[in-house]
Protein backbone atom coordinates (compact mmCIF):
# COMPACT_ATOMS: atom_id res chain seq x y z
CA MET A 1 6.09 12.06 9.81
CA PHE A 2 4.04 14.72 8.13
CA PRO A 3 5.76 17.35 6.07
CA LYS A 4 5.80 21.08 7.15
CA LYS A 5 3.19 23.34 5.83
CA GLY A 6 4.24 24.36 2.43
CA GLN A 7 6.62 21.43 1.68
CA ILE A 8 5.82 19.03 -1.10
CA TRP A 9 5.66 15.32 -0.26
CA THR A 10 7.87 12.90 -2.11
CA TYR A 11 6.45 9.55 -3.56
CA ARG A 12 8.64 7.89 -0.84
CA GLU A 13 6.96 9.83 2.04
CA ARG A 14 3.34 9.17 0.51
CA ALA A 15 4.18 5.59 0.50
CA ARG A 16 5.72 5.23 4.02
CA THR A 17 2.51 7.12 5.35
CA LEU A 18 0.07 4.96 3.55
CA ALA A 19 1.94 1.77 4.58
CA PHE A 20 1.81 2.91 8.10
CA PHE A 21 -1.84 3.69 8.23
CA TRP A 22 -2.72 0.48 6.34
CA GLY A 23 -0.31 -1.56 8.53
CA LEU A 24 -2.16 -0.29 11.58
CA SER A 25 -5.56 -1.26 10.35
CA PHE A 26 -4.37 -4.67 9.37
CA ILE A 27 -2.73 -5.22 12.75
CA CYS A 28 -5.99 -4.23 14.50
CA MET A 29 -7.64 -6.64 12.19
CA LEU A 30 -5.40 -9.21 13.14
CA ILE A 31 -5.96 -8.73 16.91
CA ALA A 32 -9.62 -8.96 16.27
CA GLY A 33 -9.01 -11.92 14.31
CA ILE A 34 -7.03 -13.88 17.14
CA TYR A 35 -9.93 -12.88 19.37
CA PHE A 36 -12.51 -14.75 16.99
CA VAL A 37 -10.11 -17.68 16.64
CA PHE A 38 -10.27 -18.31 20.40
CA THR A 39 -13.69 -17.58 20.80
CA GLN A 40 -15.61 -18.84 17.80
CA SER A 41 -12.86 -20.94 15.79
CA ASN A 42 -13.19 -18.39 12.81
CA TRP A 43 -9.89 -18.20 10.85
CA ILE A 44 -10.89 -16.08 8.09
CA LEU A 45 -10.02 -12.74 9.65
CA VAL A 46 -6.74 -13.89 10.75
CA ILE A 47 -6.04 -15.13 7.15
CA LEU A 48 -7.08 -11.77 5.60
CA ALA A 49 -5.12 -9.83 8.01
CA LEU A 50 -1.88 -11.72 7.17
CA LEU A 51 -2.38 -11.17 3.38
CA GLY A 52 -3.20 -7.66 4.11
CA LEU A 53 0.17 -7.29 6.05
CA GLY A 54 2.00 -9.19 3.24
CA SER A 55 0.65 -6.90 0.63
CA VAL A 56 1.55 -3.62 2.62
CA ALA A 57 5.05 -4.97 3.19
CA MET A 58 5.47 -5.53 -0.40
CA PHE A 59 3.86 -2.18 -1.08
CA PHE A 60 6.31 -0.38 1.24
CA PHE A 61 9.57 -2.16 0.03
CA SER A 62 8.75 -1.63 -3.61
CA SER A 63 8.24 2.00 -3.16
CA GLU A 64 11.38 2.37 -1.23
CA ARG A 65 13.37 0.72 -4.07
CA GLU A 66 11.44 2.57 -6.98
CA HIS A 67 12.12 5.90 -5.39
CA ARG A 68 15.61 5.65 -4.01
CA ASP A 69 17.30 8.50 -5.90
CA GLU A 70 14.67 11.21 -5.52
CA PRO A 71 15.32 14.38 -3.36
């Protein structure tokens, strides 16, 4: 996932890495939100996690499309 030492990251690789780490954090937030839904009937964390996952997906797919022809 990470480039070798001395290589330059392309915009596409940077976007994939950022989307991966942001996606992991929002998935953890979603798991915590599901726990709070069942214990305290609190839906705000689930809603925020789903919005965050949607924005990460839009970021990932837009960067894949924009930087399609780079080396």
